[in-house]
């Protein structure tokens, strides 16, 4: 669900903002998506997320994963 939203954020049009709001129902998320994430990933053609498997949860043995953006904010600030 996140990767298509970041792709929408790369093209700042009113229609894309409305689609993003329809899917998230959160104005703050839409603002961050278009003002920060869309600009940060403007030159990248997909593959915005990294999913790392972390093992299994104790108790019910459910699989755990860490999901992070490929281009972290601290790397973007340093450049």
Protein backbone atom coordinates (compact mmCIF):
# COMPACT_ATOMS: atom_id res chain seq x y z
CA UNK A 1 0.00 0.00 0.00
CA UNK A 2 2.89 2.41 0.68
CA UNK A 3 4.81 2.15 -2.58
CA UNK A 4 1.87 3.16 -4.83
CA UNK A 5 1.22 6.13 -2.52
CA UNK A 6 4.82 7.32 -2.83
CA UNK A 7 4.49 7.00 -6.61
CA UNK A 8 1.39 9.22 -6.41
CA UNK A 9 3.35 11.71 -4.30
CA UNK A 10 5.94 12.13 -7.04
CA UNK A 11 3.36 13.86 -9.27
CA UNK A 12 1.87 16.74 -7.25
CA UNK A 13 -1.54 17.19 -8.86
CA UNK A 14 -4.88 17.81 -7.20
CA UNK A 15 -6.22 14.49 -8.49
CA UNK A 16 -3.30 12.59 -6.94
CA UNK A 17 -3.76 14.42 -3.62
CA UNK A 18 -7.42 13.43 -3.60
CA UNK A 19 -6.56 9.80 -4.39
CA UNK A 20 -4.00 9.73 -1.57
CA UNK A 21 -6.48 11.26 0.87
CA UNK A 22 -9.13 8.76 -0.21
CA UNK A 23 -6.77 5.88 0.59
CA UNK A 24 -5.30 7.23 3.86
CA UNK A 25 -8.01 9.52 5.31
CA UNK A 26 -5.30 11.58 7.03
CA UNK A 27 -4.37 15.10 5.91
CA UNK A 28 -1.00 15.07 7.71
CA UNK A 29 0.03 11.90 5.87
CA UNK A 30 -0.94 13.43 2.51
CA UNK A 31 1.06 16.59 3.23
CA UNK A 32 4.15 14.58 4.21
CA UNK A 33 3.70 12.30 1.21
CA UNK A 34 3.68 15.15 -1.32
CA UNK A 35 6.02 17.64 0.39
CA UNK A 36 8.74 15.28 1.69
CA UNK A 37 8.56 11.76 0.30
CA UNK A 38 7.60 12.69 -3.26
CA UNK A 39 10.54 15.09 -3.48
CA UNK A 40 12.97 12.63 -1.85
CA UNK A 41 12.12 9.78 -4.24
CA UNK A 42 11.60 11.89 -7.38
CA UNK A 43 14.44 10.20 -9.28
CA UNK A 44 13.84 6.65 -8.03
CA UNK A 45 11.66 4.31 -10.13
CA UNK A 46 10.15 2.16 -7.40
CA UNK A 47 11.64 -0.01 -4.69
CA UNK A 48 11.13 2.57 -1.94
CA UNK A 49 10.88 0.06 0.93
CA UNK A 50 13.21 -2.46 2.52
CA UNK A 51 11.62 -5.38 4.38
CA UNK A 52 13.88 -7.28 6.78
CA UNK A 53 12.65 -10.48 8.40
CA UNK A 54 13.26 -10.41 12.17
CA UNK A 55 12.28 -13.91 13.18
CA UNK A 56 9.17 -14.98 15.06
CA UNK A 57 7.24 -13.50 17.97
CA UNK A 58 7.40 -15.31 21.27
CA UNK A 59 4.03 -16.67 22.32
CA UNK A 60 2.10 -17.15 19.08
CA UNK A 61 5.09 -17.65 16.72
CA UNK A 62 3.88 -14.93 14.33
CA UNK A 63 6.47 -13.77 11.79
CA UNK A 64 8.01 -10.34 12.46
CA UNK A 65 9.48 -7.91 9.93
CA UNK A 66 11.08 -4.47 9.96
CA UNK A 67 9.86 -2.16 7.19
CA UNK A 68 11.95 0.94 6.41
CA UNK A 69 12.42 3.41 3.59
CA UNK A 70 15.45 2.69 1.43
CA UNK A 71 16.67 6.30 1.46
CA UNK A 72 16.57 7.26 5.14
CA UNK A 73 16.03 10.89 6.19
CA UNK A 74 19.45 11.26 7.87
CA UNK A 75 21.15 10.20 4.64
CA UNK A 76 19.10 12.73 2.68
CA UNK A 77 20.03 15.54 5.10
CA UNK A 78 23.74 14.65 4.89
CA UNK A 79 23.71 14.95 1.10
